[in-house]
Amino acid sequence: MSDSHADGKAVRNAARRRSLLDAATRLFARHGYHATTVPMIVAEAGVSIGAFYLSFRHKEDVLEAALEELDVELARILAEVHGPDADIPYKMARSVETLFLFLACHPERARMLIVESSGLGPRIEGTRRQLLSHHETFVQHTLESSPGVSELKDASVAARCVVGSVFEVLYSWLDESPTTRVPAADVARAVAAFNYQALRKGVHEAPDIPVRLPVTQIEI
């Protein structure tokens, strides 16, 4: 088999996998994980049943792969936006705002993570929990790099509060009507300001936090 033929096959396989992941994510958000079937996914993706089983063994594999992919992407985005600023609470506030806005710009992926992957059994729950744990560890290590910056003595507790606030507020925002809910940018800034004030010793006013959002700006 020639290298060009092998490369072409790899490209086709990657494109098929991408189509299936995107289709499944849309359907999980639209109908729920339990109501979504493999035939629905292949119809949405425009591929055959056989093509599905060349990429995945079953529906659970698709959800797990989509969560793992989201984990990698969120880590990359937060690493880009974190930067070398000296003020740790400012770093955290900027990261919180960016994380919220990214997920608000991708509501289907956000719903898959926060709603549809919750309580689906040890395997998926483990993958979901690992994603959340990565963000908690990221925050914890950031806080530990500057001892005394937070009123909370245990950085792991502060980290859970920061990450939990983002996902809890986002969960409520996703459930509200798109026509009446507060704009995502305003909510993101409020969550960021709350976390800034909670982490910053003796600071009562949150600063103006410019967000270097590494995603395409869309109307929300």
N, C-alpha and C. Protein backbone atom coordinates (compact mmCIF):
# COMPACT_ATOMS: atom_id res chain seq x y z
N MET A 1 0.85 -1.20 0.00
CA MET A 1 0.00 0.00 0.00
C MET A 1 0.88 1.25 0.00
N SER A 2 0.62 2.20 -0.90
CA SER A 2 1.44 3.41 -0.99
C SER A 2 1.15 4.33 0.18
N ASP A 3 2.15 5.20 0.44
CA ASP A 3 1.97 6.16 1.53
C ASP A 3 0.80 7.09 1.26
N SER A 4 0.62 7.50 0.01
CA SER A 4 -0.46 8.41 -0.33
C SER A 4 -1.82 7.76 -0.11
N HIS A 5 -1.91 6.45 -0.42
CA HIS A 5 -3.17 5.74 -0.20
C HIS A 5 -3.47 5.63 1.29
N ALA A 6 -2.42 5.31 2.06
CA ALA A 6 -2.60 5.20 3.51
C ALA A 6 -2.98 6.55 4.11
N ASP A 7 -2.35 7.62 3.62
CA ASP A 7 -2.67 8.95 4.13
C ASP A 7 -4.12 9.31 3.80
N GLY A 8 -4.55 8.95 2.58
CA GLY A 8 -5.92 9.25 2.19
C GLY A 8 -6.93 8.51 3.05
N LYS A 9 -6.61 7.26 3.37
CA LYS A 9 -7.51 6.47 4.23
C LYS A 9 -7.57 7.07 5.63
N ALA A 10 -6.42 7.51 6.14
CA ALA A 10 -6.39 8.11 7.48
C ALA A 10 -7.22 9.39 7.52
N VAL A 11 -7.14 10.18 6.45
CA VAL A 11 -7.92 11.42 6.37
C VAL A 11 -9.41 11.11 6.36
N ARG A 12 -9.79 10.10 5.57
CA ARG A 12 -11.21 9.72 5.50
C ARG A 12 -11.71 9.20 6.84
N ASN A 13 -10.89 8.40 7.50
CA ASN A 13 -11.27 7.86 8.82
C ASN A 13 -11.46 8.99 9.83
N ALA A 14 -10.53 9.96 9.79
CA ALA A 14 -10.62 11.09 10.72
C ALA A 14 -11.86 11.94 10.43
N ALA A 15 -12.16 12.12 9.14
CA ALA A 15 -13.34 12.90 8.77
C ALA A 15 -14.62 12.19 9.21
N ARG A 16 -14.66 10.87 9.05
CA ARG A 16 -15.84 10.10 9.47
C ARG A 16 -16.02 10.19 10.98
N ARG A 17 -14.93 10.05 11.71
CA ARG A 17 -14.99 10.13 13.16
C ARG A 17 -15.46 11.52 13.61
N ARG A 18 -14.94 12.55 12.93
CA ARG A 18 -15.34 13.91 13.25
C ARG A 18 -16.83 14.12 13.02
N SER A 19 -17.34 13.62 11.92
CA SER A 19 -18.76 13.75 11.61
C SER A 19 -19.62 13.06 12.65
N LEU A 20 -19.20 11.87 13.07
CA LEU A 20 -19.96 11.12 14.07
C LEU A 20 -19.95 11.82 15.42
N LEU A 21 -18.79 12.34 15.83
CA LEU A 21 -18.70 13.04 17.11
C LEU A 21 -19.57 14.30 17.10
N ASP A 22 -19.51 15.05 16.02
CA ASP A 22 -20.31 16.28 15.94
C ASP A 22 -21.81 15.96 15.92
N ALA A 23 -22.18 14.94 15.16
CA ALA A 23 -23.59 14.55 15.09
C ALA A 23 -24.10 14.08 16.45
N ALA A 24 -23.31 13.24 17.10
CA ALA A 24 -23.72 12.72 18.41
C ALA A 24 -23.86 13.84 19.43
N THR A 25 -22.92 14.79 19.43
CA THR A 25 -22.99 15.91 20.37
C THR A 25 -24.28 16.71 20.18
N ARG A 26 -24.64 16.96 18.92
CA ARG A 26 -25.88 17.69 18.65
C ARG A 26 -27.09 16.91 19.15
N LEU A 27 -27.10 15.61 18.90
CA LEU A 27 -28.26 14.79 19.28
C LEU A 27 -28.35 14.61 20.79
N PHE A 28 -27.21 14.44 21.46
CA PHE A 28 -27.23 14.30 22.91
C PHE A 28 -27.82 15.56 23.54
N ALA A 29 -27.47 16.73 23.00
CA ALA A 29 -28.00 17.99 23.53
C ALA A 29 -29.47 18.17 23.19
N ARG A 30 -29.87 17.73 22.01
CA ARG A 30 -31.23 17.94 21.52
C ARG A 30 -32.23 16.96 22.13
N HIS A 31 -31.85 15.69 22.21
CA HIS A 31 -32.78 14.64 22.63
C HIS A 31 -32.41 13.98 23.96
N GLY A 32 -31.19 14.20 24.42
CA GLY A 32 -30.71 13.51 25.60
C GLY A 32 -29.94 12.25 25.21
N TYR A 33 -29.02 11.85 26.08
CA TYR A 33 -28.19 10.69 25.78
C TYR A 33 -29.03 9.42 25.63
N HIS A 34 -29.93 9.18 26.55
CA HIS A 34 -30.69 7.93 26.55
C HIS A 34 -31.61 7.81 25.33
N ALA A 35 -32.16 8.93 24.89
CA ALA A 35 -33.08 8.89 23.75
C ALA A 35 -32.37 8.85 22.40
N THR A 36 -31.08 9.12 22.40
CA THR A 36 -30.31 9.10 21.15
C THR A 36 -29.84 7.68 20.86
N THR A 37 -30.05 7.23 19.63
CA THR A 37 -29.65 5.88 19.24
C THR A 37 -28.55 5.95 18.18
N VAL A 38 -27.89 4.81 17.99
CA VAL A 38 -26.85 4.74 16.95
C VAL A 38 -27.43 5.05 15.57
N PRO A 39 -28.60 4.48 15.19
CA PRO A 39 -29.18 4.85 13.89
C PRO A 39 -29.43 6.36 13.75
N MET A 40 -29.83 7.02 14.84
CA MET A 40 -30.02 8.46 14.79
C MET A 40 -28.69 9.17 14.53
N ILE A 41 -27.64 8.69 15.17
CA ILE A 41 -26.32 9.33 15.00
C ILE A 41 -25.82 9.18 13.57
N VAL A 42 -25.95 7.98 13.01
CA VAL A 42 -25.43 7.78 11.64
C VAL A 42 -26.27 8.56 10.63
N ALA A 43 -27.56 8.69 10.88
CA ALA A 43 -28.41 9.47 9.98
C ALA A 43 -28.03 10.95 10.04
N GLU A 44 -27.79 11.44 11.24
CA GLU A 44 -27.39 12.84 11.41
C GLU A 44 -26.03 13.10 10.78
N ALA A 45 -25.13 12.11 10.88
CA ALA A 45 -23.78 12.26 10.34
C ALA A 45 -23.72 11.99 8.84
N GLY A 46 -24.74 11.33 8.30
CA GLY A 46 -24.75 11.00 6.88
C GLY A 46 -23.80 9.88 6.52
N VAL A 47 -23.63 8.92 7.43
CA VAL A 47 -22.78 7.76 7.16
C VAL A 47 -23.60 6.49 7.38
N SER A 48 -22.98 5.36 7.12
CA SER A 48 -23.67 4.08 7.28
C SER A 48 -23.44 3.51 8.68
N ILE A 49 -24.27 2.54 9.05
CA ILE A 49 -24.08 1.84 10.32
C ILE A 49 -22.70 1.19 10.37
N GLY A 50 -22.31 0.60 9.24
CA GLY A 50 -20.99 -0.04 9.18
C GLY A 50 -19.87 0.95 9.44
N ALA A 51 -20.03 2.16 8.90
CA ALA A 51 -19.02 3.19 9.10
C ALA A 51 -18.92 3.58 10.57
N PHE A 52 -20.08 3.59 11.25
CA PHE A 52 -20.07 3.90 12.68
C PHE A 52 -19.20 2.89 13.44
N TYR A 53 -19.42 1.61 13.15
CA TYR A 53 -18.72 0.57 13.92
C TYR A 53 -17.26 0.42 13.52
N LEU A 54 -16.84 1.10 12.46
CA LEU A 54 -15.41 1.18 12.15
C LEU A 54 -14.71 2.17 13.07
N SER A 55 -15.48 3.11 13.63
CA SER A 55 -14.90 4.13 14.50
C SER A 55 -15.18 3.90 15.98
N PHE A 56 -16.36 3.36 16.28
CA PHE A 56 -16.77 3.19 17.68
C PHE A 56 -17.45 1.84 17.88
N ARG A 57 -17.37 1.33 19.09
CA ARG A 57 -18.03 0.06 19.40
C ARG A 57 -19.50 0.27 19.72
N HIS A 58 -19.80 1.36 20.41
CA HIS A 58 -21.18 1.64 20.80
C HIS A 58 -21.32 3.12 21.17
N LYS A 59 -22.53 3.50 21.53
CA LYS A 59 -22.85 4.90 21.81
C LYS A 59 -22.01 5.47 22.94
N GLU A 60 -21.75 4.67 23.94
CA GLU A 60 -20.98 5.13 25.09
C GLU A 60 -19.58 5.55 24.67
N ASP A 61 -19.00 4.84 23.70
CA ASP A 61 -17.68 5.20 23.19
C ASP A 61 -17.68 6.61 22.60
N VAL A 62 -18.77 6.94 21.91
CA VAL A 62 -18.86 8.26 21.27
C VAL A 62 -18.88 9.35 22.33
N LEU A 63 -19.69 9.17 23.35
CA LEU A 63 -19.78 10.17 24.41
C LEU A 63 -18.44 10.31 25.14
N GLU A 64 -17.81 9.21 25.43
CA GLU A 64 -16.52 9.26 26.11
C GLU A 64 -15.48 10.00 25.26
N ALA A 65 -15.44 9.70 23.97
CA ALA A 65 -14.48 10.36 23.07
C ALA A 65 -14.76 11.86 22.99
N ALA A 66 -16.04 12.23 22.94
CA ALA A 66 -16.40 13.65 22.87
C ALA A 66 -15.99 14.39 24.14
N LEU A 67 -16.15 13.75 25.29
CA LEU A 67 -15.74 14.36 26.55
C LEU A 67 -14.22 14.50 26.63
N GLU A 68 -13.51 13.47 26.20
CA GLU A 68 -12.05 13.52 26.22
C GLU A 68 -11.53 14.62 25.29
N GLU A 69 -12.15 14.77 24.15
CA GLU A 69 -11.77 15.81 23.21
C GLU A 69 -12.02 17.19 23.80
N LEU A 70 -13.16 17.36 24.46
CA LEU A 70 -13.48 18.63 25.10
C LEU A 70 -12.49 18.95 26.21
N ASP A 71 -12.09 17.95 26.96
CA ASP A 71 -11.11 18.11 28.03
C ASP A 71 -9.82 18.70 27.49
N VAL A 72 -9.32 18.14 26.39
CA VAL A 72 -8.08 18.61 25.78
C VAL A 72 -8.23 20.04 25.29
N GLU A 73 -9.36 20.33 24.66
CA GLU A 73 -9.57 21.66 24.10
C GLU A 73 -9.68 22.72 25.20
N LEU A 74 -10.39 22.41 26.27
CA LEU A 74 -10.51 23.37 27.37
C LEU A 74 -9.16 23.63 28.02
N ALA A 75 -8.37 22.58 28.19
CA ALA A 75 -7.04 22.75 28.77
C ALA A 75 -6.17 23.66 27.90
N ARG A 76 -6.25 23.49 26.60
CA ARG A 76 -5.46 24.32 25.68
C ARG A 76 -5.89 25.78 25.77
N ILE A 77 -7.20 26.01 25.77
CA ILE A 77 -7.72 27.38 25.81
C ILE A 77 -7.33 28.08 27.11
N LEU A 78 -7.43 27.38 28.23
CA LEU A 78 -7.09 27.99 29.50
C LEU A 78 -5.59 28.25 29.61
N ALA A 79 -4.78 27.37 29.04
CA ALA A 79 -3.34 27.59 29.05
C ALA A 79 -2.98 28.84 28.24
N GLU A 80 -3.69 29.06 27.14
CA GLU A 80 -3.44 30.22 26.30
C GLU A 80 -3.82 31.52 27.00
N VAL A 81 -4.94 31.50 27.70
CA VAL A 81 -5.45 32.72 28.29
C VAL A 81 -4.82 33.02 29.65
N HIS A 82 -4.21 32.02 30.27
CA HIS A 82 -3.71 32.17 31.63
C HIS A 82 -2.59 33.21 31.69
N GLY A 83 -1.60 33.05 30.87
CA GLY A 83 -0.55 34.05 30.76
C GLY A 83 0.32 34.18 32.00
N PRO A 84 1.31 35.07 31.95
CA PRO A 84 2.29 35.20 33.03
C PRO A 84 1.98 36.32 34.02
N ASP A 85 0.74 36.76 34.13
CA ASP A 85 0.41 37.87 35.03
C ASP A 85 0.80 37.54 36.46
N ALA A 86 1.19 38.56 37.20
CA ALA A 86 1.63 38.35 38.57
C ALA A 86 0.47 38.15 39.54
N ASP A 87 -0.66 38.77 39.27
CA ASP A 87 -1.78 38.73 40.19
C ASP A 87 -2.57 37.44 39.99
N ILE A 88 -2.50 36.51 40.96
CA ILE A 88 -3.12 35.20 40.82
C ILE A 88 -4.65 35.30 40.74
N PRO A 89 -5.33 36.05 41.63
CA PRO A 89 -6.78 36.14 41.49
C PRO A 89 -7.21 36.72 40.14
N TYR A 90 -6.43 37.65 39.61
CA TYR A 90 -6.72 38.20 38.28
C TYR A 90 -6.61 37.12 37.22
N LYS A 91 -5.59 36.29 37.32
CA LYS A 91 -5.45 35.16 36.39
C LYS A 91 -6.67 34.27 36.45
N MET A 92 -7.09 33.96 37.68
CA MET A 92 -8.20 33.04 37.85
C MET A 92 -9.50 33.65 37.30
N ALA A 93 -9.70 34.94 37.55
CA ALA A 93 -10.91 35.59 37.06
C ALA A 93 -10.95 35.59 35.54
N ARG A 94 -9.82 35.86 34.92
CA ARG A 94 -9.77 35.86 33.46
C ARG A 94 -10.03 34.46 32.91
N SER A 95 -9.48 33.44 33.58
CA SER A 95 -9.69 32.06 33.15
C SER A 95 -11.15 31.66 33.31
N VAL A 96 -11.77 32.06 34.42
CA VAL A 96 -13.18 31.75 34.67
C VAL A 96 -14.05 32.36 33.59
N GLU A 97 -13.79 33.62 33.26
CA GLU A 97 -14.60 34.30 32.25
C GLU A 97 -14.47 33.62 30.89
N THR A 98 -13.25 33.25 30.54
CA THR A 98 -13.00 32.61 29.26
C THR A 98 -13.65 31.24 29.19
N LEU A 99 -13.54 30.46 30.28
CA LEU A 99 -14.15 29.13 30.31
C LEU A 99 -15.66 29.22 30.14
N PHE A 100 -16.28 30.14 30.87
CA PHE A 100 -17.74 30.29 30.77
C PHE A 100 -18.15 30.68 29.35
N LEU A 101 -17.45 31.64 28.77
CA LEU A 101 -17.81 32.11 27.44
C LEU A 101 -17.60 31.05 26.37
N PHE A 102 -16.53 30.28 26.51
CA PHE A 102 -16.30 29.22 25.53
C PHE A 102 -17.45 28.22 25.55
N LEU A 103 -17.85 27.77 26.73
CA LEU A 103 -18.92 26.79 26.83
C LEU A 103 -20.27 27.41 26.43
N ALA A 104 -20.47 28.68 26.74
CA ALA A 104 -21.70 29.35 26.32
C ALA A 104 -21.77 29.47 24.80
N CYS A 105 -20.62 29.62 24.17
CA CYS A 105 -20.56 29.67 22.70
C CYS A 105 -20.76 28.29 22.07
N HIS A 106 -20.62 27.24 22.88
CA HIS A 106 -20.80 25.87 22.40
C HIS A 106 -21.79 25.16 23.33
N PRO A 107 -23.06 25.59 23.32
CA PRO A 107 -24.03 25.07 24.29
C PRO A 107 -24.28 23.58 24.17
N GLU A 108 -24.15 23.01 22.97
CA GLU A 108 -24.37 21.57 22.83
C GLU A 108 -23.28 20.79 23.57
N ARG A 109 -22.06 21.24 23.46
CA ARG A 109 -20.96 20.58 24.17
C ARG A 109 -21.07 20.82 25.67
N ALA A 110 -21.50 22.02 26.04
CA ALA A 110 -21.68 22.32 27.46
C ALA A 110 -22.76 21.44 28.08
N ARG A 111 -23.88 21.28 27.37
CA ARG A 111 -24.97 20.45 27.88
C ARG A 111 -24.54 18.98 27.97
N MET A 112 -23.77 18.53 26.99
CA MET A 112 -23.26 17.17 27.02
C MET A 112 -22.42 16.93 28.28
N LEU A 113 -21.58 17.92 28.61
CA LEU A 113 -20.71 17.79 29.78
C LEU A 113 -21.47 17.90 31.09
N ILE A 114 -22.30 18.92 31.20
CA ILE A 114 -22.91 19.24 32.49
C ILE A 114 -24.15 18.42 32.78
N VAL A 115 -24.93 18.13 31.73
CA VAL A 115 -26.22 17.47 31.94
C VAL A 115 -26.19 16.01 31.51
N GLU A 116 -25.91 15.77 30.24
CA GLU A 116 -26.11 14.44 29.67
C GLU A 116 -25.11 13.39 30.14
N SER A 117 -23.92 13.79 30.54
CA SER A 117 -22.92 12.81 30.96
C SER A 117 -22.97 12.51 32.46
N SER A 118 -23.86 13.19 33.16
CA SER A 118 -23.94 13.02 34.61
C SER A 118 -24.73 11.76 34.97
N GLY A 119 -24.15 10.93 35.84
CA GLY A 119 -24.85 9.77 36.36
C GLY A 119 -25.08 8.65 35.37
N LEU A 120 -24.21 8.51 34.37
CA LEU A 120 -24.41 7.48 33.34
C LEU A 120 -23.65 6.18 33.62
N GLY A 121 -23.13 6.02 34.79
CA GLY A 121 -22.38 4.81 35.10
C GLY A 121 -20.92 5.13 35.35
N PRO A 122 -20.20 4.18 35.92
CA PRO A 122 -18.81 4.42 36.35
C PRO A 122 -17.89 4.90 35.25
N ARG A 123 -18.01 4.36 34.05
CA ARG A 123 -17.08 4.71 32.99
C ARG A 123 -17.22 6.17 32.55
N ILE A 124 -18.43 6.58 32.20
CA ILE A 124 -18.65 7.94 31.75
C ILE A 124 -18.49 8.92 32.90
N GLU A 125 -18.99 8.55 34.06
CA GLU A 125 -18.84 9.42 35.22
C GLU A 125 -17.37 9.63 35.55
N GLY A 126 -16.57 8.58 35.36
CA GLY A 126 -15.13 8.70 35.59
C GLY A 126 -14.49 9.67 34.62
N THR A 127 -14.88 9.60 33.35
CA THR A 127 -14.34 10.52 32.34
C THR A 127 -14.77 11.95 32.64
N ARG A 128 -16.04 12.12 32.99
CA ARG A 128 -16.56 13.45 33.32
C ARG A 128 -15.86 14.00 34.56
N ARG A 129 -15.71 13.15 35.56
CA ARG A 129 -15.07 13.58 36.80
C ARG A 129 -13.60 13.94 36.56
N GLN A 130 -12.96 13.20 35.66
CA GLN A 130 -11.57 13.48 35.34
C GLN A 130 -11.42 14.85 34.70
N LEU A 131 -12.35 15.20 33.81
CA LEU A 131 -12.32 16.52 33.18
C LEU A 131 -12.44 17.62 34.24
N LEU A 132 -13.40 17.49 35.13
CA LEU A 132 -13.59 18.50 36.18
C LEU A 132 -12.38 18.54 37.10
N SER A 133 -11.82 17.36 37.38
CA SER A 133 -10.65 17.29 38.26
C SER A 133 -9.44 17.98 37.65
N HIS A 134 -9.30 17.89 36.33
CA HIS A 134 -8.19 18.57 35.66
C HIS A 134 -8.26 20.08 35.89
N HIS A 135 -9.47 20.64 35.83
CA HIS A 135 -9.63 22.07 36.04
C HIS A 135 -9.41 22.44 37.51
N GLU A 136 -9.89 21.60 38.40
CA GLU A 136 -9.66 21.85 39.83
C GLU A 136 -8.18 21.82 40.15
N THR A 137 -7.46 20.85 39.57
CA THR A 137 -6.02 20.74 39.81
C THR A 137 -5.28 21.95 39.24
N PHE A 138 -5.72 22.40 38.07
CA PHE A 138 -5.13 23.58 37.43
C PHE A 138 -5.25 24.79 38.36
N VAL A 139 -6.46 25.00 38.89
CA VAL A 139 -6.69 26.12 39.80
C VAL A 139 -5.90 25.95 41.09
N GLN A 140 -5.92 24.74 41.62
CA GLN A 140 -5.21 24.48 42.88
C GLN A 140 -3.72 24.77 42.75
N HIS A 141 -3.09 24.29 41.68
CA HIS A 141 -1.66 24.51 41.49
C HIS A 141 -1.36 26.00 41.30
N THR A 142 -2.26 26.70 40.63
CA THR A 142 -2.08 28.15 40.44
C THR A 142 -2.10 28.86 41.78
N LEU A 143 -3.05 28.51 42.63
CA LEU A 143 -3.14 29.14 43.94
C LEU A 143 -1.94 28.77 44.82
N GLU A 144 -1.51 27.54 44.74
CA GLU A 144 -0.39 27.09 45.56
C GLU A 144 0.93 27.74 45.13
N SER A 145 0.96 28.25 43.90
CA SER A 145 2.18 28.92 43.43
C SER A 145 2.35 30.29 44.08
N SER A 146 1.30 30.78 44.77
CA SER A 146 1.37 32.06 45.46
C SER A 146 0.69 31.93 46.83
N PRO A 147 1.38 31.33 47.80
CA PRO A 147 0.78 31.09 49.12
C PRO A 147 0.29 32.38 49.77
N GLY A 148 -0.86 32.28 50.44
CA GLY A 148 -1.39 33.43 51.16
C GLY A 148 -2.25 34.36 50.34
N VAL A 149 -2.42 34.05 49.05
CA VAL A 149 -3.21 34.94 48.20
C VAL A 149 -4.70 34.83 48.49
N SER A 150 -5.12 33.70 49.04
CA SER A 150 -6.53 33.47 49.32
C SER A 150 -6.78 33.35 50.81
N GLU A 151 -7.99 33.75 51.22
CA GLU A 151 -8.39 33.59 52.61
C GLU A 151 -8.50 32.11 52.98
N LEU A 152 -8.82 31.27 52.01
CA LEU A 152 -8.95 29.84 52.29
C LEU A 152 -7.58 29.21 52.43
N LYS A 153 -7.39 28.48 53.51
CA LYS A 153 -6.09 27.87 53.77
C LYS A 153 -5.83 26.67 52.87
N ASP A 154 -6.88 25.98 52.50
CA ASP A 154 -6.75 24.79 51.66
C ASP A 154 -7.03 25.16 50.21
N ALA A 155 -5.99 25.12 49.38
CA ALA A 155 -6.15 25.51 47.97
C ALA A 155 -7.09 24.58 47.22
N SER A 156 -7.19 23.33 47.65
CA SER A 156 -8.08 22.39 46.96
C SER A 156 -9.53 22.79 47.16
N VAL A 157 -9.87 23.33 48.32
CA VAL A 157 -11.23 23.80 48.58
C VAL A 157 -11.53 25.01 47.70
N ALA A 158 -10.60 25.95 47.65
CA ALA A 158 -10.77 27.13 46.80
C ALA A 158 -10.94 26.72 45.34
N ALA A 159 -10.17 25.73 44.90
CA ALA A 159 -10.24 25.27 43.51
C ALA A 159 -11.61 24.69 43.20
N ARG A 160 -12.16 23.90 44.11
CA ARG A 160 -13.50 23.33 43.89
C ARG A 160 -14.55 24.43 43.84
N CYS A 161 -14.39 25.46 44.65
CA CYS A 161 -15.34 26.57 44.65
C CYS A 161 -15.30 27.32 43.32
N VAL A 162 -14.11 27.56 42.80
CA VAL A 162 -13.96 28.29 41.54
C VAL A 162 -14.59 27.50 40.40
N VAL A 163 -14.19 26.24 40.26
CA VAL A 163 -14.69 25.42 39.16
C VAL A 163 -16.19 25.16 39.32
N GLY A 164 -16.62 24.87 40.54
CA GLY A 164 -18.03 24.60 40.78
C GLY A 164 -18.92 25.79 40.45
N SER A 165 -18.44 26.99 40.73
CA SER A 165 -19.25 28.18 40.44
C SER A 165 -19.49 28.34 38.95
N VAL A 166 -18.48 28.04 38.14
CA VAL A 166 -18.62 28.17 36.69
C VAL A 166 -19.68 27.21 36.17
N PHE A 167 -19.55 25.94 36.53
CA PHE A 167 -20.45 24.93 35.98
C PHE A 167 -21.86 25.02 36.55
N GLU A 168 -21.99 25.44 37.80
CA GLU A 168 -23.32 25.57 38.38
C GLU A 168 -24.08 26.73 37.74
N VAL A 169 -23.43 27.87 37.56
CA VAL A 169 -24.08 29.01 36.93
C VAL A 169 -24.37 28.71 35.46
N LEU A 170 -23.44 28.04 34.80
CA LEU A 170 -23.65 27.69 33.40
C LEU A 170 -24.83 26.74 33.23
N TYR A 171 -24.96 25.79 34.15
CA TYR A 171 -26.09 24.86 34.12
C TYR A 171 -27.41 25.62 34.17
N SER A 172 -27.52 26.59 35.07
CA SER A 172 -28.74 27.38 35.19
C SER A 172 -28.96 28.23 33.95
N TRP A 173 -27.88 28.81 33.42
CA TRP A 173 -27.99 29.67 32.24
C TRP A 173 -28.48 28.88 31.02
N LEU A 174 -27.99 27.66 30.86
CA LEU A 174 -28.41 26.82 29.73
C LEU A 174 -29.89 26.49 29.80
N ASP A 175 -30.43 26.37 31.01
CA ASP A 175 -31.84 26.00 31.19
C ASP A 175 -32.80 27.17 30.98
N GLU A 176 -32.27 28.37 30.93
CA GLU A 176 -33.13 29.54 30.75
C GLU A 176 -33.43 29.75 29.27
N SER A 177 -34.49 30.45 28.98
CA SER A 177 -34.88 30.73 27.60
C SER A 177 -33.85 31.63 26.93
N PRO A 178 -33.37 31.27 25.73
CA PRO A 178 -32.41 32.12 25.02
C PRO A 178 -32.94 33.52 24.74
N THR A 179 -34.25 33.68 24.72
CA THR A 179 -34.82 34.99 24.40
C THR A 179 -34.89 35.93 25.60
N THR A 180 -34.81 35.38 26.80
CA THR A 180 -34.97 36.22 27.99
C THR A 180 -33.77 36.17 28.94
N ARG A 181 -32.88 35.23 28.77
CA ARG A 181 -31.78 35.11 29.73
C ARG A 181 -30.76 36.24 29.56
N VAL A 182 -30.02 36.48 30.62
CA VAL A 182 -28.97 37.51 30.62
C VAL A 182 -27.90 37.12 29.61
N PRO A 183 -27.36 38.07 28.85
CA PRO A 183 -26.31 37.74 27.88
C PRO A 183 -25.15 37.01 28.55
N ALA A 184 -24.61 36.04 27.83
CA ALA A 184 -23.54 35.21 28.38
C ALA A 184 -22.35 36.03 28.85
N ALA A 185 -21.99 37.07 28.11
CA ALA A 185 -20.84 37.89 28.48
C ALA A 185 -21.04 38.55 29.84
N ASP A 186 -22.27 38.98 30.13
CA ASP A 186 -22.56 39.62 31.42
C ASP A 186 -22.48 38.61 32.56
N VAL A 187 -23.01 37.41 32.31
CA VAL A 187 -22.95 36.37 33.33
C VAL A 187 -21.50 35.96 33.58
N ALA A 188 -20.74 35.81 32.52
CA ALA A 188 -19.34 35.41 32.65
C ALA A 188 -18.56 36.42 33.49
N ARG A 189 -18.80 37.69 33.24
CA ARG A 189 -18.10 38.72 34.00
C ARG A 189 -18.52 38.71 35.47
N ALA A 190 -19.79 38.44 35.73
CA ALA A 190 -20.26 38.39 37.11
C ALA A 190 -19.61 37.24 37.87
N VAL A 191 -19.53 36.07 37.22
CA VAL A 191 -18.90 34.91 37.87
C VAL A 191 -17.42 35.17 38.08
N ALA A 192 -16.77 35.79 37.10
CA ALA A 192 -15.35 36.11 37.22
C ALA A 192 -15.11 37.10 38.36
N ALA A 193 -15.95 38.14 38.44
CA ALA A 193 -15.81 39.14 39.50
C ALA A 193 -16.03 38.52 40.87
N PHE A 194 -17.02 37.64 40.97
CA PHE A 194 -17.29 36.96 42.24
C PHE A 194 -16.07 36.16 42.70
N ASN A 195 -15.49 35.41 41.77
CA ASN A 195 -14.32 34.61 42.12
C ASN A 195 -13.12 35.48 42.45
N TYR A 196 -12.97 36.58 41.74
CA TYR A 196 -11.86 37.50 42.03
C TYR A 196 -11.97 38.01 43.47
N GLN A 197 -13.16 38.48 43.83
CA GLN A 197 -13.35 39.02 45.17
C GLN A 197 -13.20 37.95 46.24
N ALA A 198 -13.63 36.73 45.91
CA ALA A 198 -13.53 35.65 46.89
C ALA A 198 -12.08 35.24 47.13
N LEU A 199 -11.25 35.35 46.10
CA LEU A 199 -9.87 34.89 46.21
C LEU A 199 -8.91 35.98 46.68
N ARG A 200 -9.23 37.21 46.34
CA ARG A 200 -8.29 38.30 46.60
C ARG A 200 -8.43 38.84 48.01
N LYS A 201 -7.42 38.72 48.82
CA LYS A 201 -7.46 39.21 50.19
C LYS A 201 -7.60 40.72 50.21
N GLY A 202 -8.63 41.19 50.92
CA GLY A 202 -8.74 42.61 51.15
C GLY A 202 -9.20 43.44 49.96
N VAL A 203 -9.56 42.80 48.87
CA VAL A 203 -10.03 43.55 47.70
C VAL A 203 -11.55 43.53 47.68
N HIS A 204 -12.15 44.69 47.58
CA HIS A 204 -13.61 44.77 47.61
C HIS A 204 -14.19 45.17 46.27
N GLU A 205 -13.34 45.63 45.36
CA GLU A 205 -13.81 46.00 44.04
C GLU A 205 -13.09 45.15 43.01
N ALA A 206 -13.84 44.49 42.14
CA ALA A 206 -13.22 43.69 41.08
C ALA A 206 -12.70 44.62 39.99
N PRO A 207 -11.55 44.27 39.40
CA PRO A 207 -10.98 45.12 38.36
C PRO A 207 -11.69 44.92 37.03
N ASP A 208 -11.35 45.77 36.09
CA ASP A 208 -11.82 45.57 34.72
C ASP A 208 -10.99 44.43 34.14
N ILE A 209 -11.65 43.32 33.78
CA ILE A 209 -10.93 42.12 33.37
C ILE A 209 -11.07 41.93 31.86
N PRO A 210 -10.04 42.32 31.10
CA PRO A 210 -10.13 42.09 29.64
C PRO A 210 -9.95 40.62 29.34
N VAL A 211 -10.80 40.08 28.50
CA VAL A 211 -10.74 38.66 28.17
C VAL A 211 -10.15 38.48 26.78
N ARG A 212 -9.05 37.76 26.70
CA ARG A 212 -8.48 37.41 25.40
C ARG A 212 -9.09 36.09 24.98
N LEU A 213 -10.30 36.16 24.46
CA LEU A 213 -11.07 34.96 24.16
C LEU A 213 -10.54 34.27 22.91
N PRO A 214 -9.97 33.07 23.03
CA PRO A 214 -9.38 32.39 21.87
C PRO A 214 -10.38 31.56 21.08
N VAL A 215 -11.62 32.08 20.98
CA VAL A 215 -12.63 31.38 20.19
C VAL A 215 -13.34 32.41 19.32
N THR A 216 -14.03 31.94 18.30
CA THR A 216 -14.75 32.83 17.40
C THR A 216 -15.90 33.50 18.16
N GLN A 217 -15.97 34.81 18.09
CA GLN A 217 -17.05 35.54 18.73
C GLN A 217 -18.35 35.27 17.96
N ILE A 218 -19.39 34.86 18.67
CA ILE A 218 -20.68 34.65 18.03
C ILE A 218 -21.76 35.32 18.87
N GLU A 219 -22.86 35.55 18.25
CA GLU A 219 -23.99 36.15 18.97
C GLU A 219 -24.65 35.11 19.83
N ILE A 220 -24.83 35.40 21.10
CA ILE A 220 -25.42 34.44 22.03
C ILE A 220 -26.75 35.00 22.51
